[in-house]
Amino acid sequence: MAKNIHTVPWGNNWAVKKEGQEKPISIHRTKDVTQHEGASLAKKLEVEHVIHGKDGTIQDKDSYGKDPCPPKDKKY
């Protein structure tokens, strides 16, 4: 099973990390760019993209995999 992708704070920057790995895949100066990169990678891998706030708490999740029980709410 593929590991989820996380957008996380990384010092004064933001990082795209694969779940369970210490080293980031990429580091960016803005959260927007990092989220875009994280979403693109999550779509490619068909996994969930977990977006964290500056304090590390989870702010949002987007699933790009084949979810057998998709959520009923629509973000867009």
Protein backbone atom coordinates (compact mmCIF):
# COMPACT_ATOMS: atom_id res chain seq x y z
CA MET A 1 0.00 0.00 0.00
CA ALA A 2 1.32 3.44 -0.95
CA LYS A 3 2.14 6.00 1.73
CA ASN A 4 0.22 9.26 2.02
CA ILE A 5 1.79 12.62 1.13
CA HIS A 6 1.96 15.40 3.73
CA THR A 7 2.44 19.17 3.42
CA VAL A 8 4.20 20.15 6.65
CA PRO A 9 6.01 23.13 8.20
CA TRP A 10 9.79 22.76 7.90
CA GLY A 11 11.61 25.45 9.90
CA ASN A 12 10.76 28.73 8.20
CA ASN A 13 9.74 26.87 5.04
CA TRP A 14 7.27 24.16 4.00
CA ALA A 15 7.98 20.59 2.92
CA VAL A 16 6.35 17.76 0.98
CA LYS A 17 6.97 14.52 2.86
CA LYS A 18 6.02 10.92 2.29
CA GLU A 19 4.40 9.31 5.33
CA GLY A 20 6.92 7.43 7.46
CA GLN A 21 10.00 9.13 5.99
CA GLU A 22 12.09 11.66 7.87
CA LYS A 23 13.67 13.34 4.83
CA PRO A 24 11.36 15.61 2.79
CA ILE A 25 10.77 15.04 -0.91
CA SER A 26 10.95 18.79 -1.55
CA ILE A 27 11.17 22.06 0.42
CA HIS A 28 9.52 25.34 -0.63
CA ARG A 29 9.27 28.88 0.72
CA THR A 30 5.47 29.15 0.56
CA LYS A 31 2.68 26.86 1.67
CA ASP A 32 0.75 27.38 -1.60
CA VAL A 33 3.59 26.06 -3.75
CA THR A 34 4.13 23.16 -1.35
CA GLN A 35 0.43 22.24 -1.39
CA HIS A 36 0.41 22.27 -5.19
CA GLU A 37 3.46 19.99 -5.34
CA GLY A 38 2.00 17.70 -2.67
CA ALA A 39 -1.34 17.43 -4.47
CA SER A 40 0.35 16.66 -7.79
CA LEU A 41 2.39 13.88 -6.22
CA ALA A 42 -0.62 12.48 -4.33
CA LYS A 43 -2.62 12.37 -7.57
CA LYS A 44 0.21 10.59 -9.36
CA LEU A 45 0.55 8.01 -6.56
CA GLU A 46 -3.25 7.83 -6.00
CA VAL A 47 -2.95 8.43 -2.25
CA GLU A 48 -4.24 10.95 0.29
CA HIS A 49 -2.73 14.44 0.59
CA VAL A 50 -2.68 15.61 4.23
CA ILE A 51 -2.21 19.36 4.77
CA HIS A 52 -0.84 20.56 8.11
CA GLY A 53 -0.91 24.04 9.64
CA LYS A 54 2.10 25.96 10.96
CA ASP A 55 1.50 24.37 14.39
CA GLY A 56 1.58 20.87 12.86
CA THR A 57 -2.12 20.08 13.27
CA ILE A 58 -4.03 18.63 10.32
CA GLN A 59 -6.04 21.32 8.52
CA ASP A 60 -7.35 19.39 5.53
CA LYS A 61 -7.16 16.11 3.62
CA ASP A 62 -7.75 15.30 -0.02
CA SER A 63 -8.03 11.74 -1.29
CA TYR A 64 -6.82 10.95 -4.79
CA GLY A 65 -6.97 7.17 -4.52
CA LYS A 66 -9.68 4.67 -5.24
CA ASP A 67 -11.74 5.21 -2.10
CA PRO A 68 -14.38 2.47 -1.60
CA CYS A 69 -16.36 4.81 0.68
CA PRO A 70 -15.96 8.34 -0.71
CA PRO A 71 -17.09 11.27 1.47
CA LYS A 72 -20.56 12.64 0.88
CA ASP A 73 -19.55 16.29 1.32
CA LYS A 74 -18.22 18.20 -1.65
CA LYS A 75 -15.54 20.90 -1.19
CA TYR A 76 -16.09 22.51 -4.57
